[in-house]
Amino acid sequence: MQRNKRISLIFLGAFGMFMSAASYWFYFSGSASFPAERQLIDHINTYFPESSVDQIQETVNVDERHVFVPFITKDQKYGGSNWEWKKHQWECTAIETKGNPYIWKIDENDPASFYLVWNGNPSHELGYMKLFMKRKAGYSVSDGKENYIPNIQMEAGINIREKSFGVQKLPASWAHTLTSHIKMGSAAQPFSLFKDNGFQQFQFGWLPFSSMEGELISPENMDLTGFSRQGEDTETFLLLNQMEVFTESSH
């Protein structure tokens, strides 16, 4: 009896180790080679036919499990797609043909892992994107005390004159601000099922310019129609009116 019990325990232990190894292999094993351009076009046009991709511009490795693929559509729109190695295959997790830049949240709990992603259409005379992360002033009451919350506006610039697309780390100052708000939100709602992850307090927007020192391009001259399928790991910058931008900015 005791011998059978010992055998059962050994079997259960071995089975548990096998399942752990299998799970690790399935979810976390190294990625396979990335699909060829023709395969990418066929996949996107099959699963997202509204995208109507005609040409892959490049494949940009963010890390070994994340790849950005900018493309041009058949009607000359400039778009991009996010690819992630998931469950032992490359999966397209987001796609955008409207021309809006966005944030790719590699780890949604760690703003230091976030990236700015874009592919602007140069046919709009667009040469420079000015990105904004904003939060309006307000106040909160805690333990009978009123706390003033000042305006926040942070800027980042992207030059697309030489290259329409790109991926770059979220500015360190932005990441630091978002991290602070995530921590404050967690401390204020330690047992809430609906925690504020910091993003709900902020607006993300952008303004189009002809160049870094050039003129602001009127929204009427921007064609931002198109197809977009974003997930929880992205945050889109929406086109702003200049009146929505504070006079003074923090960088």
Protein backbone atom coordinates (compact mmCIF):
# COMPACT_ATOMS: atom_id res chain seq x y z
CA MET A 1 0.00 0.00 0.00
CA GLN A 2 2.75 2.39 0.98
CA ARG A 3 4.71 1.38 -2.12
CA ASN A 4 1.71 2.16 -4.37
CA LYS A 5 1.31 5.53 -2.67
CA ARG A 6 4.99 6.32 -3.28
CA ILE A 7 4.65 5.36 -6.97
CA SER A 8 1.55 7.57 -7.28
CA LEU A 9 3.39 10.54 -5.79
CA ILE A 10 6.34 10.01 -8.15
CA PHE A 11 3.96 9.78 -11.10
CA LEU A 12 2.08 12.95 -10.08
CA GLY A 13 5.36 14.82 -9.61
CA ALA A 14 6.64 13.73 -13.02
CA PHE A 15 3.32 14.61 -14.65
CA GLY A 16 3.38 18.06 -13.02
CA MET A 17 6.92 18.69 -14.29
CA PHE A 18 5.89 17.57 -17.79
CA MET A 19 2.88 19.91 -17.83
CA SER A 20 4.99 22.82 -16.59
CA ALA A 21 7.58 22.20 -19.29
CA ALA A 22 4.87 21.86 -21.94
CA SER A 23 3.19 25.08 -20.82
CA TYR A 24 6.50 26.95 -20.87
CA TRP A 25 7.23 25.63 -24.37
CA PHE A 26 3.78 26.60 -25.63
CA TYR A 27 3.65 30.13 -24.18
CA PHE A 28 7.27 31.24 -23.70
CA SER A 29 9.50 29.30 -26.09
CA GLY A 30 11.70 31.22 -28.51
CA SER A 31 10.07 32.60 -31.64
CA ALA A 32 10.28 31.03 -35.09
CA SER A 33 11.49 32.90 -38.15
CA PHE A 34 9.23 35.79 -39.13
CA PRO A 35 6.91 35.31 -42.15
CA ALA A 36 8.03 36.50 -45.58
CA GLU A 37 6.51 39.66 -47.11
CA ARG A 38 4.14 37.72 -49.40
CA GLN A 39 2.88 35.70 -46.44
CA LEU A 40 2.33 38.89 -44.40
CA ILE A 41 0.32 40.51 -47.20
CA ASP A 42 -1.80 37.40 -47.71
CA HIS A 43 -2.44 37.03 -43.97
CA ILE A 44 -3.44 40.68 -43.43
CA ASN A 45 -5.67 40.82 -46.52
CA THR A 46 -7.34 37.53 -45.56
CA TYR A 47 -8.10 38.39 -41.94
CA PHE A 48 -8.37 42.18 -42.36
CA PRO A 49 -9.59 42.66 -45.97
CA GLU A 50 -10.43 46.33 -45.28
CA SER A 51 -6.68 46.97 -45.05
CA SER A 52 -6.05 46.09 -48.71
CA VAL A 53 -2.27 45.91 -48.29
CA ASP A 54 -0.22 46.26 -51.47
CA GLN A 55 3.38 46.70 -50.31
CA ILE A 56 5.34 45.87 -47.16
CA GLN A 57 7.81 48.67 -46.48
CA GLU A 58 9.96 46.89 -43.91
CA THR A 59 9.87 44.66 -40.83
CA VAL A 60 11.04 46.38 -37.63
CA ASN A 61 12.08 44.12 -34.75
CA VAL A 62 11.02 45.66 -31.43
CA ASP A 63 12.32 42.63 -29.55
CA GLU A 64 12.46 38.88 -30.21
CA ARG A 65 8.70 38.51 -29.64
CA HIS A 66 7.35 41.77 -31.10
CA VAL A 67 7.63 43.08 -34.69
CA PHE A 68 6.20 46.20 -36.35
CA VAL A 69 5.34 45.89 -40.04
CA PRO A 70 4.64 49.20 -41.90
CA PHE A 71 2.89 48.96 -45.26
CA ILE A 72 1.24 50.90 -48.10
CA THR A 73 -2.30 49.99 -49.20
CA LYS A 74 -3.65 49.69 -52.72
CA ASP A 75 -5.23 53.15 -52.38
CA GLN A 76 -1.91 54.66 -51.19
CA LYS A 77 -2.67 54.86 -47.48
CA TYR A 78 0.23 54.38 -45.08
CA GLY A 79 -0.45 51.89 -42.30
CA GLY A 80 1.15 49.53 -39.84
CA SER A 81 0.60 46.25 -38.07
CA ASN A 82 1.80 44.84 -34.75
CA TRP A 83 2.92 41.22 -34.60
CA GLU A 84 3.51 39.21 -31.44
CA TRP A 85 4.81 35.69 -30.88
CA LYS A 86 1.91 34.03 -29.04
CA LYS A 87 1.10 30.39 -28.36
CA HIS A 88 3.89 29.25 -30.63
CA GLN A 89 2.91 31.32 -33.66
CA TRP A 90 3.17 34.88 -35.00
CA GLU A 91 -0.11 36.74 -34.47
CA CYS A 92 -1.19 40.12 -35.85
CA THR A 93 -2.52 41.92 -32.75
CA ALA A 94 -3.22 45.40 -34.16
CA ILE A 95 -3.57 47.09 -37.54
CA GLU A 96 -3.92 50.75 -38.53
CA THR A 97 -4.40 52.50 -41.91
CA LYS A 98 -5.81 55.85 -40.72
CA GLY A 99 -2.40 57.42 -40.22
CA ASN A 100 -2.66 58.08 -36.48
CA PRO A 101 0.44 57.32 -34.40
CA TYR A 102 -0.06 55.13 -31.35
CA ILE A 103 1.57 53.66 -28.25
CA TRP A 104 2.40 49.96 -28.16
CA LYS A 105 2.26 48.72 -24.55
CA ILE A 106 4.56 45.70 -24.48
CA ASP A 107 3.87 45.25 -20.76
CA GLU A 108 0.78 47.27 -19.82
CA ASN A 109 1.93 47.51 -16.19
CA ASP A 110 5.34 48.93 -17.08
CA PRO A 111 5.35 52.20 -19.09
CA ALA A 112 9.14 51.84 -19.49
CA SER A 113 8.31 49.02 -21.95
CA PHE A 114 6.06 51.23 -24.12
CA TYR A 115 6.91 52.32 -27.67
CA LEU A 116 5.75 55.10 -29.97
CA VAL A 117 4.74 53.69 -33.36
CA TRP A 118 3.87 55.56 -36.56
CA ASN A 119 3.63 55.55 -40.35
CA GLY A 120 2.67 58.98 -41.68
CA ASN A 121 1.57 59.65 -45.25
CA PRO A 122 4.06 62.06 -46.90
CA SER A 123 1.57 62.84 -49.67
CA HIS A 124 -0.24 65.03 -47.13
CA GLU A 125 2.85 67.30 -47.06
CA LEU A 126 3.32 65.87 -43.59
CA GLY A 127 6.90 66.16 -42.37
CA TYR A 128 6.66 66.35 -38.60
CA MET A 129 4.33 64.92 -35.96
CA LYS A 130 4.03 66.67 -32.62
CA LEU A 131 2.67 64.25 -30.01
CA PHE A 132 1.00 65.26 -26.76
CA MET A 133 0.19 63.51 -23.51
CA LYS A 134 -2.24 65.71 -21.55
CA ARG A 135 -4.16 65.71 -18.33
CA LYS A 136 -6.53 68.49 -17.29
CA ALA A 137 -6.32 70.21 -13.94
CA GLY A 138 -8.68 69.13 -11.19
CA TYR A 139 -8.82 68.25 -7.53
CA SER A 140 -9.55 65.30 -5.33
CA VAL A 141 -10.70 64.92 -1.72
CA SER A 142 -8.99 62.39 0.52
CA ASP A 143 -9.51 62.12 4.30
CA GLY A 144 -11.28 65.47 4.24
CA LYS A 145 -8.36 67.18 2.49
CA GLU A 146 -8.61 68.79 -0.95
CA ASN A 147 -5.71 68.05 -3.25
CA TYR A 148 -5.12 70.20 -6.35
CA ILE A 149 -4.12 68.35 -9.51
CA PRO A 150 -2.32 70.65 -11.99
CA ASN A 151 -2.43 70.54 -15.77
CA ILE A 152 0.06 68.20 -17.38
CA GLN A 153 1.10 68.46 -21.01
CA MET A 154 4.13 66.66 -22.36
CA GLU A 155 5.39 66.77 -25.94
CA ALA A 156 7.42 64.58 -28.25
CA GLY A 157 8.36 65.19 -31.87
CA ILE A 158 8.71 62.77 -34.77
CA ASN A 159 10.38 63.76 -38.04
CA ILE A 160 9.00 61.70 -40.94
CA ARG A 161 10.48 63.68 -43.82
CA GLU A 162 13.21 61.13 -44.53
CA LYS A 163 11.33 58.00 -43.41
CA SER A 164 7.57 57.75 -43.03
CA PHE A 165 7.55 55.02 -40.37
CA GLY A 166 9.33 54.15 -37.18
CA VAL A 167 9.32 52.76 -33.64
CA GLN A 168 10.98 54.39 -30.65
CA LYS A 169 10.87 54.08 -26.89
CA LEU A 170 8.31 56.20 -25.06
CA PRO A 171 10.14 59.29 -23.72
CA ALA A 172 11.52 58.59 -20.24
CA SER A 173 9.66 61.58 -18.78
CA TRP A 174 6.36 60.24 -20.12
CA ALA A 175 7.07 56.75 -18.76
CA HIS A 176 7.97 58.19 -15.35
CA THR A 177 4.73 60.24 -15.21
CA LEU A 178 2.56 57.27 -16.18
CA THR A 179 4.34 54.99 -13.71
CA SER A 180 3.65 57.49 -10.90
CA HIS A 181 -0.05 57.57 -11.78
CA ILE A 182 -0.28 53.78 -11.94
CA LYS A 183 1.23 53.56 -8.44
CA MET A 184 -1.09 56.28 -7.09
CA GLY A 185 -4.11 54.58 -8.64
CA SER A 186 -3.15 51.23 -7.11
CA ALA A 187 -2.61 52.80 -3.69
CA ALA A 188 -5.96 54.63 -3.81
CA GLN A 189 -7.89 51.51 -4.90
CA PRO A 190 -5.99 48.54 -3.43
CA PHE A 191 -8.99 46.20 -3.49
CA SER A 192 -10.83 47.47 -6.57
CA LEU A 193 -11.57 45.11 -9.46
CA PHE A 194 -11.56 48.12 -11.82
CA LYS A 195 -8.25 49.81 -11.11
CA ASP A 196 -7.29 52.97 -12.95
CA ASN A 197 -4.17 52.03 -14.93
CA GLY A 198 -3.18 55.68 -15.37
CA PHE A 199 -4.34 56.00 -18.96
CA GLN A 200 -7.92 57.01 -18.11
CA GLN A 201 -6.59 60.27 -16.70
CA PHE A 202 -4.73 61.23 -19.87
CA GLN A 203 -5.56 62.30 -23.40
CA PHE A 204 -3.17 61.38 -26.20
CA GLY A 205 -3.22 63.54 -29.31
CA TRP A 206 -1.09 64.92 -32.12
CA LEU A 207 -0.72 67.85 -34.49
CA PRO A 208 0.62 67.61 -38.08
CA PHE A 209 3.29 70.02 -39.36
CA SER A 210 5.03 70.40 -42.69
CA SER A 211 8.40 70.31 -40.89
CA MET A 212 9.85 70.77 -37.40
CA GLU A 213 9.80 74.56 -37.82
CA GLY A 214 7.09 74.56 -40.50
CA GLU A 215 3.42 75.43 -40.59
CA LEU A 216 0.61 73.54 -38.95
CA ILE A 217 -1.31 71.49 -41.51
CA SER A 218 -5.05 72.11 -41.40
CA PRO A 219 -7.12 69.05 -40.38
CA GLU A 220 -9.20 69.62 -43.53
CA ASN A 221 -6.09 68.74 -45.57
CA MET A 222 -5.54 65.47 -43.72
CA ASP A 223 -7.20 62.28 -44.90
CA LEU A 224 -7.39 60.10 -41.82
CA THR A 225 -10.09 57.77 -43.08
CA GLY A 226 -9.25 54.10 -43.15
CA PHE A 227 -9.35 50.92 -41.12
CA SER A 228 -8.20 50.39 -37.56
CA ARG A 229 -8.26 47.34 -35.30
CA GLN A 230 -6.53 48.04 -32.01
CA GLY A 231 -6.31 45.96 -28.85
CA GLU A 232 -5.79 46.62 -25.16
CA ASP A 233 -2.04 46.81 -25.73
CA THR A 234 -2.31 49.98 -27.86
CA GLU A 235 -3.27 53.62 -27.21
CA THR A 236 -4.03 55.79 -30.25
CA PHE A 237 -3.08 59.45 -30.61
CA LEU A 238 -6.08 61.34 -31.99
CA LEU A 239 -5.75 64.38 -34.23
CA LEU A 240 -6.11 67.54 -32.14
CA ASN A 241 -7.36 71.04 -32.81
CA GLN A 242 -4.69 73.60 -31.97
CA MET A 243 -7.11 75.14 -29.45
CA GLU A 244 -6.90 71.89 -27.45
CA VAL A 245 -3.19 72.40 -26.77
CA PHE A 246 -2.10 74.27 -23.65
CA THR A 247 0.01 77.38 -24.18
CA GLU A 248 2.85 76.06 -22.03
CA SER A 249 4.19 72.54 -22.26
CA SER A 250 6.50 70.36 -20.22
CA HIS A 251 8.86 68.15 -22.22
